[in-house]
C-alpha atoms as a PDB file:
ATOM      1  CA  UNK A   1       0.000   0.000   0.000  1.00  0.00           C
ATOM      2  CA  UNK A   2       1.253   3.495  -0.833  1.00  0.00           C
ATOM      3  CA  UNK A   3       2.566   5.706   1.943  1.00  0.00           C
ATOM      4  CA  UNK A   4      -0.201   8.336   1.556  1.00  0.00           C
ATOM      5  CA  UNK A   5      -2.963   5.728   1.615  1.00  0.00           C
ATOM      6  CA  UNK A   6      -1.435   3.938   4.617  1.00  0.00           C
ATOM      7  CA  UNK A   7      -1.128   7.236   6.487  1.00  0.00           C
ATOM      8  CA  UNK A   8      -4.727   8.203   5.704  1.00  0.00           C
ATOM      9  CA  UNK A   9      -6.119   4.835   6.740  1.00  0.00           C
ATOM     10  CA  UNK A  10      -4.019   4.791   9.920  1.00  0.00           C
ATOM     11  CA  UNK A  11      -5.180   8.271  10.906  1.00  0.00           C
ATOM     12  CA  UNK A  12      -8.803   7.289  10.267  1.00  0.00           C
ATOM     13  CA  UNK A  13      -8.461   4.141  12.344  1.00  0.00           C
ATOM     14  CA  UNK A  14      -6.851   5.988  15.247  1.00  0.00           C
ATOM     15  CA  UNK A  15      -9.515   8.700  15.154  1.00  0.00           C
ATOM     16  CA  UNK A  16     -12.281   6.084  15.121  1.00  0.00           C
ATOM     17  CA  UNK A  17     -10.696   4.270  18.056  1.00  0.00           C
ATOM     18  CA  UNK A  18     -10.400   7.490  20.043  1.00  0.00           C
ATOM     19  CA  UNK A  19     -14.044   8.291  19.316  1.00  0.00           C
ATOM     20  CA  UNK A  20     -15.021   4.806  20.466  1.00  0.00           C
ATOM     21  CA  UNK A  21     -13.227   5.137  23.823  1.00  0.00           C
ATOM     22  CA  UNK A  22     -14.449   8.718  24.318  1.00  0.00           C
ATOM     23  CA  UNK A  23     -18.094   7.669  24.536  1.00  0.00           C
ATOM     24  CA  UNK A  24     -19.589  11.114  23.972  1.00  0.00           C
ATOM     25  CA  UNK A  25     -21.207  10.010  20.740  1.00  0.00           C
ATOM     26  CA  UNK A  26     -22.828   7.057  22.468  1.00  0.00           C
ATOM     27  CA  UNK A  27     -24.116   9.222  25.309  1.00  0.00           C
ATOM     28  CA  UNK A  28     -25.631  11.756  22.928  1.00  0.00           C
ATOM     29  CA  UNK A  29     -27.338   8.968  20.986  1.00  0.00           C
ATOM     30  CA  UNK A  30     -28.606   7.349  24.195  1.00  0.00           C
ATOM     31  CA  UNK A  31     -30.039  10.666  25.432  1.00  0.00           C
ATOM     32  CA  UNK A  32     -31.925  11.223  22.177  1.00  0.00           C
ATOM     33  CA  UNK A  33     -33.267   7.684  22.133  1.00  0.00           C
ATOM     34  CA  UNK A  34     -34.310   7.900  25.794  1.00  0.00           C
ATOM     35  CA  UNK A  35     -36.218  11.120  25.087  1.00  0.00           C
ATOM     36  CA  UNK A  36     -37.978   9.473  22.139  1.00  0.00           C
ATOM     37  CA  UNK A  37     -38.785   6.439  24.296  1.00  0.00           C
ATOM     38  CA  UNK A  38     -40.345   8.614  26.996  1.00  0.00           C
ATOM     39  CA  UNK A  39     -42.510  10.375  24.394  1.00  0.00           C
ATOM     40  CA  UNK A  40     -43.630   7.012  23.005  1.00  0.00           C
ATOM     41  CA  UNK A  41     -44.530   5.747  26.489  1.00  0.00           C
ATOM     42  CA  UNK A  42     -46.478   8.914  27.280  1.00  0.00           C
ATOM     43  CA  UNK A  43     -48.349   8.566  23.995  1.00  0.00           C
ATOM     44  CA  UNK A  44     -49.093   4.911  24.774  1.00  0.00           C
ATOM     45  CA  UNK A  45     -50.478   5.894  28.187  1.00  0.00           C
ATOM     46  CA  UNK A  46     -52.610   8.580  26.543  1.00  0.00           C
ATOM     47  CA  UNK A  47     -54.042   6.138  24.007  1.00  0.00           C
ATOM     48  CA  UNK A  48     -55.002   3.635  26.708  1.00  0.00           C
ATOM     49  CA  UNK A  49     -56.580   6.406  28.792  1.00  0.00           C
ATOM     50  CA  UNK A  50     -58.410   7.754  25.761  1.00  0.00           C
ATOM     51  CA  UNK A  51     -59.633   4.267  24.926  1.00  0.00           C
ATOM     52  CA  UNK A  52     -61.099   3.954  28.416  1.00  0.00           C
ATOM     53  CA  UNK A  53     -62.717   7.389  28.248  1.00  0.00           C
ATOM     54  CA  UNK A  54     -64.291   6.557  24.887  1.00  0.00           C
ATOM     55  CA  UNK A  55     -65.609   3.237  26.198  1.00  0.00           C
ATOM     56  CA  UNK A  56     -67.301   5.036  29.092  1.00  0.00           C
ATOM     57  CA  UNK A  57     -68.697   7.743  26.807  1.00  0.00           C
ATOM     58  CA  UNK A  58     -70.103   5.139  24.407  1.00  0.00           C
ATOM     59  CA  UNK A  59     -72.334   3.870  27.188  1.00  0.00           C
ATOM     60  CA  UNK A  60     -73.459   7.347  28.208  1.00  0.00           C
ATOM     61  CA  UNK A  61     -77.020   8.370  27.417  1.00  0.00           C
ATOM     62  CA  UNK A  62     -77.817  11.990  26.630  1.00  0.00           C
ATOM     63  CA  UNK A  63     -81.405  12.389  27.822  1.00  0.00           C
ATOM     64  CA  UNK A  64     -83.774  15.318  27.388  1.00  0.00           C
ATOM     65  CA  UNK A  65     -87.536  15.914  27.043  1.00  0.00           C
ATOM     66  CA  UNK A  66     -88.442  18.248  24.176  1.00  0.00           C
ATOM     67  CA  UNK A  67     -92.174  19.093  24.338  1.00  0.00           C
ATOM     68  CA  UNK A  68     -92.495  16.620  27.190  1.00  0.00           C
ATOM     69  CA  UNK A  69     -91.409  13.660  25.082  1.00  0.00           C
ATOM     70  CA  UNK A  70     -88.430  11.749  26.411  1.00  0.00           C
ATOM     71  CA  UNK A  71     -85.536  11.356  23.970  1.00  0.00           C
ATOM     72  CA  UNK A  72     -82.301   9.484  24.652  1.00  0.00           C
ATOM     73  CA  UNK A  73     -79.236   9.761  22.426  1.00  0.00           C
ATOM     74  CA  UNK A  74     -75.924   7.904  22.674  1.00  0.00           C
ATOM     75  CA  UNK A  75     -72.640   9.087  21.115  1.00  0.00           C
ATOM     76  CA  UNK A  76     -71.491   5.503  20.474  1.00  0.00           C
ATOM     77  CA  UNK A  77     -71.787   5.593  16.684  1.00  0.00           C
ATOM     78  CA  UNK A  78     -69.800   8.829  16.528  1.00  0.00           C
ATOM     79  CA  UNK A  79     -67.005   7.454  18.710  1.00  0.00           C
ATOM     80  CA  UNK A  80     -66.734   3.961  17.163  1.00  0.00           C
ATOM     81  CA  UNK A  81     -64.278   4.881  14.349  1.00  0.00           C
ATOM     82  CA  UNK A  82     -61.966   6.740  16.724  1.00  0.00           C
ATOM     83  CA  UNK A  83     -62.133   3.967  19.309  1.00  0.00           C
ATOM     84  CA  UNK A  84     -61.154   1.291  16.770  1.00  0.00           C
ATOM     85  CA  UNK A  85     -58.281   3.406  15.466  1.00  0.00           C
ATOM     86  CA  UNK A  86     -57.060   4.215  18.981  1.00  0.00           C
ATOM     87  CA  UNK A  87     -56.923   0.513  19.890  1.00  0.00           C
ATOM     88  CA  UNK A  88     -54.794  -0.257  16.825  1.00  0.00           C
ATOM     89  CA  UNK A  89     -52.609   2.793  17.377  1.00  0.00           C
ATOM     90  CA  UNK A  90     -51.918   1.820  20.988  1.00  0.00           C
ATOM     91  CA  UNK A  91     -50.274  -1.383  19.734  1.00  0.00           C
ATOM     92  CA  UNK A  92     -48.177   0.633  17.299  1.00  0.00           C
ATOM     93  CA  UNK A  93     -46.962   2.946  20.071  1.00  0.00           C
ATOM     94  CA  UNK A  94     -46.051  -0.099  22.157  1.00  0.00           C
ATOM     95  CA  UNK A  95     -44.057  -1.520  19.222  1.00  0.00           C
ATOM     96  CA  UNK A  96     -42.399   1.868  18.734  1.00  0.00           C
ATOM     97  CA  UNK A  97     -41.416   1.976  22.409  1.00  0.00           C
ATOM     98  CA  UNK A  98     -40.060  -1.574  22.109  1.00  0.00           C
ATOM     99  CA  UNK A  99     -38.014  -0.613  19.048  1.00  0.00           C
ATOM    100  CA  UNK A 100     -36.554   2.400  20.855  1.00  0.00           C
ATOM    101  CA  UNK A 101     -35.754   0.290  23.897  1.00  0.00           C
ATOM    102  CA  UNK A 102     -33.980  -2.196  21.623  1.00  0.00           C
ATOM    103  CA  UNK A 103     -31.926   0.637  20.128  1.00  0.00           C
ATOM    104  CA  UNK A 104     -30.871   1.728  23.613  1.00  0.00           C
ATOM    105  CA  UNK A 105     -29.877  -1.826  24.542  1.00  0.00           C
ATOM    106  CA  UNK A 106     -27.863  -2.328  21.329  1.00  0.00           C
ATOM    107  CA  UNK A 107     -26.164   1.040  21.808  1.00  0.00           C
ATOM    108  CA  UNK A 108     -25.111   0.089  25.321  1.00  0.00           C
ATOM    109  CA  UNK A 109     -23.983  -3.340  24.129  1.00  0.00           C
ATOM    110  CA  UNK A 110     -21.635  -1.923  21.492  1.00  0.00           C
ATOM    111  CA  UNK A 111     -20.258   0.729  23.866  1.00  0.00           C
ATOM    112  CA  UNK A 112     -18.891  -1.643  26.505  1.00  0.00           C
ATOM    113  CA  UNK A 113     -15.242  -1.820  27.540  1.00  0.00           C
ATOM    114  CA  UNK A 114     -14.970  -5.339  26.100  1.00  0.00           C
ATOM    115  CA  UNK A 115     -16.065  -4.161  22.654  1.00  0.00           C
ATOM    116  CA  UNK A 116     -13.701  -1.174  22.800  1.00  0.00           C
ATOM    117  CA  UNK A 117     -10.853  -3.442  23.851  1.00  0.00           C
ATOM    118  CA  UNK A 118     -11.530  -5.869  20.984  1.00  0.00           C
ATOM    119  CA  UNK A 119     -11.716  -2.945  18.589  1.00  0.00           C
ATOM    120  CA  UNK A 120      -8.383  -1.672  19.895  1.00  0.00           C
ATOM    121  CA  UNK A 121      -6.743  -5.009  19.112  1.00  0.00           C
ATOM    122  CA  UNK A 122      -8.232  -5.051  15.612  1.00  0.00           C
ATOM    123  CA  UNK A 123      -7.186  -1.466  14.882  1.00  0.00           C
ATOM    124  CA  UNK A 124      -3.675  -1.985  16.245  1.00  0.00           C
ATOM    125  CA  UNK A 125      -3.195  -5.144  14.160  1.00  0.00           C
ATOM    126  CA  UNK A 126      -4.514  -3.383  11.076  1.00  0.00           C
ATOM    127  CA  UNK A 127      -2.144  -0.445  11.512  1.00  0.00           C
ATOM    128  CA  UNK A 128       0.821  -2.782  11.967  1.00  0.00           C
ATOM    129  CA  UNK A 129      -0.028  -4.624   8.763  1.00  0.00           C
ATOM    130  CA  UNK A 130      -0.478  -1.347   6.920  1.00  0.00           C
ATOM    131  CA  UNK A 131       3.171  -0.451   7.505  1.00  0.00           C
ATOM    132  CA  UNK A 132       4.724  -3.852   6.895  1.00  0.00           C
ATOM    133  CA  UNK A 133       6.685  -4.424   3.719  1.00  0.00           C
ATOM    134  CA  UNK A 134       4.440  -5.468   0.858  1.00  0.00           C
ATOM    135  CA  UNK A 135       4.358  -9.141  -0.059  1.00  0.00           C
ATOM    136  CA  UNK A 136       1.744 -11.459  -1.495  1.00  0.00           C
ATOM    137  CA  UNK A 137       0.963 -13.009   1.876  1.00  0.00           C
ATOM    138  CA  UNK A 138       1.046  -9.695   3.752  1.00  0.00           C
ATOM    139  CA  UNK A 139      -1.313  -8.076   1.220  1.00  0.00           C
ATOM    140  CA  UNK A 140      -3.830 -10.926   1.545  1.00  0.00           C
ATOM    141  CA  UNK A 141      -3.820 -10.877   5.354  1.00  0.00           C
ATOM    142  CA  UNK A 142      -3.906  -7.097   5.421  1.00  0.00           C
ATOM    143  CA  UNK A 143      -6.911  -6.950   3.101  1.00  0.00           C
ATOM    144  CA  UNK A 144      -8.865  -9.497   5.121  1.00  0.00           C
ATOM    145  CA  UNK A 145      -8.049  -7.817   8.432  1.00  0.00           C
ATOM    146  CA  UNK A 146      -8.934  -4.354   7.125  1.00  0.00           C
ATOM    147  CA  UNK A 147     -12.287  -5.628   5.891  1.00  0.00           C
ATOM    148  CA  UNK A 148     -12.943  -7.239   9.267  1.00  0.00           C
ATOM    149  CA  UNK A 149     -11.943  -4.055  11.101  1.00  0.00           C
ATOM    150  CA  UNK A 150     -14.121  -1.953   8.796  1.00  0.00           C
ATOM    151  CA  UNK A 151     -17.153  -4.141   9.506  1.00  0.00           C
ATOM    152  CA  UNK A 152     -16.318  -3.990  13.227  1.00  0.00           C
ATOM    153  CA  UNK A 153     -16.172  -0.188  13.124  1.00  0.00           C
ATOM    154  CA  UNK A 154     -19.440  -0.030  11.212  1.00  0.00           C
ATOM    155  CA  UNK A 155     -21.183  -2.183  13.803  1.00  0.00           C
ATOM    156  CA  UNK A 156     -19.610  -0.150  16.606  1.00  0.00           C
ATOM    157  CA  UNK A 157     -20.920   3.204  15.351  1.00  0.00           C
ATOM    158  CA  UNK A 158     -23.919   2.246  13.201  1.00  0.00           C
ATOM    159  CA  UNK A 159     -26.534   2.457  15.981  1.00  0.00           C
ATOM    160  CA  UNK A 160     -25.170   5.754  17.313  1.00  0.00           C
ATOM    161  CA  UNK A 161     -24.973   7.269  13.830  1.00  0.00           C
ATOM    162  CA  UNK A 162     -28.496   6.178  12.880  1.00  0.00           C
ATOM    163  CA  UNK A 163     -29.861   7.374  16.223  1.00  0.00           C
ATOM    164  CA  UNK A 164     -28.255  10.816  16.008  1.00  0.00           C
ATOM    165  CA  UNK A 165     -29.295  11.288  12.390  1.00  0.00           C
ATOM    166  CA  UNK A 166     -32.839  10.185  13.199  1.00  0.00           C
ATOM    167  CA  UNK A 167     -32.858  12.453  16.250  1.00  0.00           C
ATOM    168  CA  UNK A 168     -31.904  15.439  14.098  1.00  0.00           C
ATOM    169  CA  UNK A 169     -34.788  14.776  11.710  1.00  0.00           C
ATOM    170  CA  UNK A 170     -37.135  14.250  14.666  1.00  0.00           C
ATOM    171  CA  UNK A 171     -36.147  17.493  16.333  1.00  0.00           C
ATOM    172  CA  UNK A 172     -36.673  19.632  13.257  1.00  0.00           C
ATOM    173  CA  UNK A 173     -39.540  17.878  11.479  1.00  0.00           C
ATOM    174  CA  UNK A 174     -41.296  15.083  13.391  1.00  0.00           C
ATOM    175  CA  UNK A 175     -41.383  16.147  17.051  1.00  0.00           C
ATOM    176  CA  UNK A 176     -43.368  19.375  16.403  1.00  0.00           C
ATOM    177  CA  UNK A 177     -45.976  17.328  14.521  1.00  0.00           C
ATOM    178  CA  UNK A 178     -46.020  14.719  17.285  1.00  0.00           C
ATOM    179  CA  UNK A 179     -46.492  17.351  20.006  1.00  0.00           C
ATOM    180  CA  UNK A 180     -49.307  19.073  18.109  1.00  0.00           C
ATOM    181  CA  UNK A 181     -51.147  15.790  17.511  1.00  0.00           C
ATOM    182  CA  UNK A 182     -50.634  14.748  21.139  1.00  0.00           C
ATOM    183  CA  UNK A 183     -52.184  18.023  22.339  1.00  0.00           C
ATOM    184  CA  UNK A 184     -55.213  17.502  20.091  1.00  0.00           C
ATOM    185  CA  UNK A 185     -55.753  13.976  21.434  1.00  0.00           C
ATOM    186  CA  UNK A 186     -55.470  15.217  25.025  1.00  0.00           C
ATOM    187  CA  UNK A 187     -58.041  17.917  24.337  1.00  0.00           C
ATOM    188  CA  UNK A 188     -60.327  15.443  22.589  1.00  0.00           C
ATOM    189  CA  UNK A 189     -60.129  13.092  25.559  1.00  0.00           C
ATOM    190  CA  UNK A 190     -61.114  15.896  27.937  1.00  0.00           C
ATOM    191  CA  UNK A 191     -64.055  16.867  25.735  1.00  0.00           C
ATOM    192  CA  UNK A 192     -65.271  13.261  25.438  1.00  0.00           C
ATOM    193  CA  UNK A 193     -64.981  12.827  29.197  1.00  0.00           C
ATOM    194  CA  UNK A 194     -66.953  16.041  29.700  1.00  0.00           C
ATOM    195  CA  UNK A 195     -69.673  14.680  27.432  1.00  0.00           C
ATOM    196  CA  UNK A 196     -69.866  11.512  29.502  1.00  0.00           C
ATOM    197  CA  UNK A 197     -70.033  13.410  32.803  1.00  0.00           C
ATOM    198  CA  UNK A 198     -72.533  16.018  31.636  1.00  0.00           C
ATOM    199  CA  UNK A 199     -74.712  13.503  29.814  1.00  0.00           C
ATOM    200  CA  UNK A 200     -76.546  12.182  32.865  1.00  0.00           C
ATOM    201  CA  UNK A 201     -80.332  12.589  32.597  1.00  0.00           C
ATOM    202  CA  UNK A 202     -81.781  15.505  34.506  1.00  0.00           C
ATOM    203  CA  UNK A 203     -84.386  14.745  37.115  1.00  0.00           C
ATOM    204  CA  UNK A 204     -87.961  15.045  35.852  1.00  0.00           C
ATOM    205  CA  UNK A 205     -90.591  17.145  37.528  1.00  0.00           C
ATOM    206  CA  UNK A 206     -93.614  15.956  39.497  1.00  0.00           C
ATOM    207  CA  UNK A 207     -97.323  16.459  38.914  1.00  0.00           C
ATOM    208  CA  UNK A 208     -97.412  18.856  41.850  1.00  0.00           C
ATOM    209  CA  UNK A 209     -95.262  21.413  40.084  1.00  0.00           C
ATOM    210  CA  UNK A 210     -96.877  24.747  39.344  1.00  0.00           C
ATOM    211  CA  UNK A 211     -97.655  25.986  35.836  1.00  0.00           C
ATOM    212  CA  UNK A 212     -94.736  28.411  36.006  1.00  0.00           C
ATOM    213  CA  UNK A 213     -92.365  25.623  37.050  1.00  0.00           C
ATOM    214  CA  UNK A 214     -93.593  23.451  34.194  1.00  0.00           C
ATOM    215  CA  UNK A 215     -93.142  26.288  31.741  1.00  0.00           C
ATOM    216  CA  UNK A 216     -89.601  26.954  32.985  1.00  0.00           C
ATOM    217  CA  UNK A 217     -88.825  23.278  32.730  1.00  0.00           C
ATOM    218  CA  UNK A 218     -90.161  23.244  29.172  1.00  0.00           C
ATOM    219  CA  UNK A 219     -87.858  26.130  28.267  1.00  0.00           C
ATOM    220  CA  UNK A 220     -84.946  24.342  29.925  1.00  0.00           C
ATOM    221  CA  UNK A 221     -85.735  21.174  27.959  1.00  0.00           C
ATOM    222  CA  UNK A 222     -85.672  23.043  24.650  1.00  0.00           C
ATOM    223  CA  UNK A 223     -82.436  24.738  25.606  1.00  0.00           C
ATOM    224  CA  UNK A 224     -80.989  21.369  26.607  1.00  0.00           C
ATOM    225  CA  UNK A 225     -82.088  19.812  23.318  1.00  0.00           C
ATOM    226  CA  UNK A 226     -80.317  22.525  21.360  1.00  0.00           C
ATOM    227  CA  UNK A 227     -77.257  22.197  23.589  1.00  0.00           C
ATOM    228  CA  UNK A 228     -77.106  18.417  23.142  1.00  0.00           C
ATOM    229  CA  UNK A 229     -77.426  18.790  19.379  1.00  0.00           C
ATOM    230  CA  UNK A 230     -74.608  21.318  19.426  1.00  0.00           C
ATOM    231  CA  UNK A 231     -72.462  19.049  21.623  1.00  0.00           C
ATOM    232  CA  UNK A 232     -72.996  16.050  19.351  1.00  0.00           C
ATOM    233  CA  UNK A 233     -72.088  18.120  16.300  1.00  0.00           C
ATOM    234  CA  UNK A 234     -68.982  19.391  18.075  1.00  0.00           C
ATOM    235  CA  UNK A 235     -68.146  15.869  19.217  1.00  0.00           C
ATOM    236  CA  UNK A 236     -68.371  14.592  15.646  1.00  0.00           C
ATOM    237  CA  UNK A 237     -66.045  17.370  14.485  1.00  0.00           C
ATOM    238  CA  UNK A 238     -63.597  16.612  17.302  1.00  0.00           C
ATOM    239  CA  UNK A 239     -63.604  12.901  16.475  1.00  0.00           C
ATOM    240  CA  UNK A 240     -62.855  13.603  12.809  1.00  0.00           C
ATOM    241  CA  UNK A 241     -59.977  15.861  13.824  1.00  0.00           C
ATOM    242  CA  UNK A 242     -58.686  13.275  16.300  1.00  0.00           C
ATOM    243  CA  UNK A 243     -58.745  10.565  13.626  1.00  0.00           C
ATOM    244  CA  UNK A 244     -56.583  12.751  11.392  1.00  0.00           C
ATOM    245  CA  UNK A 245     -54.147  13.388  14.231  1.00  0.00           C
ATOM    246  CA  UNK A 246     -53.910   9.667  15.056  1.00  0.00           C
ATOM    247  CA  UNK A 247     -53.047   8.981  11.410  1.00  0.00           C
ATOM    248  CA  UNK A 248     -50.373  11.701  11.633  1.00  0.00           C
ATOM    249  CA  UNK A 249     -48.923  10.031  14.723  1.00  0.00           C
ATOM    250  CA  UNK A 250     -48.913   6.646  12.986  1.00  0.00           C
ATOM    251  CA  UNK A 251     -46.911   8.154  10.143  1.00  0.00           C
ATOM    252  CA  UNK A 252     -44.526   9.843  12.608  1.00  0.00           C
ATOM    253  CA  UNK A 253     -43.809   6.636  14.529  1.00  0.00           C
ATOM    254  CA  UNK A 254     -43.335   4.533  11.394  1.00  0.00           C
ATOM    255  CA  UNK A 255     -40.862   7.070  10.026  1.00  0.00           C
ATOM    256  CA  UNK A 256     -39.110   7.552  13.376  1.00  0.00           C
ATOM    257  CA  UNK A 257     -38.697   3.945  14.446  1.00  0.00           C
ATOM    258  CA  UNK A 258     -38.481   2.102  11.126  1.00  0.00           C
ATOM    259  CA  UNK A 259     -37.841   4.057   7.949  1.00  0.00           C
ATOM    260  CA  UNK A 260     -35.272   6.577   9.206  1.00  0.00           C
ATOM    261  CA  UNK A 261     -33.043   4.178  11.208  1.00  0.00           C
ATOM    262  CA  UNK A 262     -32.964   1.621   8.400  1.00  0.00           C
ATOM    263  CA  UNK A 263     -32.443   4.316   5.794  1.00  0.00           C
ATOM    264  CA  UNK A 264     -29.512   5.862   7.644  1.00  0.00           C
ATOM    265  CA  UNK A 265     -27.934   2.444   8.185  1.00  0.00           C
ATOM    266  CA  UNK A 266     -28.129   1.761   4.451  1.00  0.00           C
ATOM    267  CA  UNK A 267     -26.617   5.169   3.691  1.00  0.00           C
ATOM    268  CA  UNK A 268     -23.846   4.630   6.248  1.00  0.00           C
ATOM    269  CA  UNK A 269     -22.944   1.237   4.800  1.00  0.00           C
ATOM    270  CA  UNK A 270     -22.917   2.666   1.268  1.00  0.00           C
ATOM    271  CA  UNK A 271     -20.541   5.427   2.417  1.00  0.00           C
ATOM    272  CA  UNK A 272     -18.253   2.884   4.082  1.00  0.00           C
ATOM    273  CA  UNK A 273     -18.069   0.787   0.921  1.00  0.00           C
ATOM    274  CA  UNK A 274     -17.404   3.858  -1.214  1.00  0.00           C
ATOM    275  CA  UNK A 275     -14.623   5.009   1.113  1.00  0.00           C
ATOM    276  CA  UNK A 276     -13.138   1.505   1.078  1.00  0.00           C
ATOM    277  CA  UNK A 277     -12.980   1.509  -2.732  1.00  0.00           C
ATOM    278  CA  UNK A 278     -11.284   4.916  -2.791  1.00  0.00           C
ATOM    279  CA  UNK A 279      -8.701   4.241  -0.100  1.00  0.00           C
ATOM    280  CA  UNK A 280      -7.898   0.556  -0.649  1.00  0.00           C
END
């Protein structure tokens, strides 16, 4: 191998080894992944809570007596689509949290002292072979060892690189969308819970009530009928908005925990192979 190429490869190997022992890259990646994991767990808790609130609201009866005729309405049909989607989404958030936890575990696994020590041996042996006099046997061993060391380095930094790159995209593009959708779901849950609490039937009057009391109750019934109609219309609008936000969150978690990490790993491996062809 030429002197310039050997020097460049040696410097790159030493820098990579120093970065491996430093650990700052691993810590930064772990912090980002931990933050993403906490967001996923909070979202999972919200979906389970929202599922429970919807189940209670589906059994709630909105009762009123327009013109003295008893009418009972239930918001179950309005909430069914959101409830089904929330149940499916809760499993996705659990899978996302599992994926993030796996990333943390793999990152810690490849950042241990044993791995760094093994990498040190591989790098040291590779550098020694780089500066040995060229011969047919030396070139063959050197090529094999450099390939092995390159794969070792890729495995050592792949998780951290993919995590940091994914974290950058999350911070600037995905997290704002996730936070906005989360806030909408929280607000929707509060509104559905309010519907369930306020939907209890009002006590009916007795035959001993005066004419004025009956008239006031009639006015209250008409006002209640209009209010219930308005609440059901608002509930339908909120459910439609919540469904859209759940779909947004599904897209965010698929991109964050699947597409981006795999994509960055593919890009990293392609860069490693391209650098190998240029240097060696």
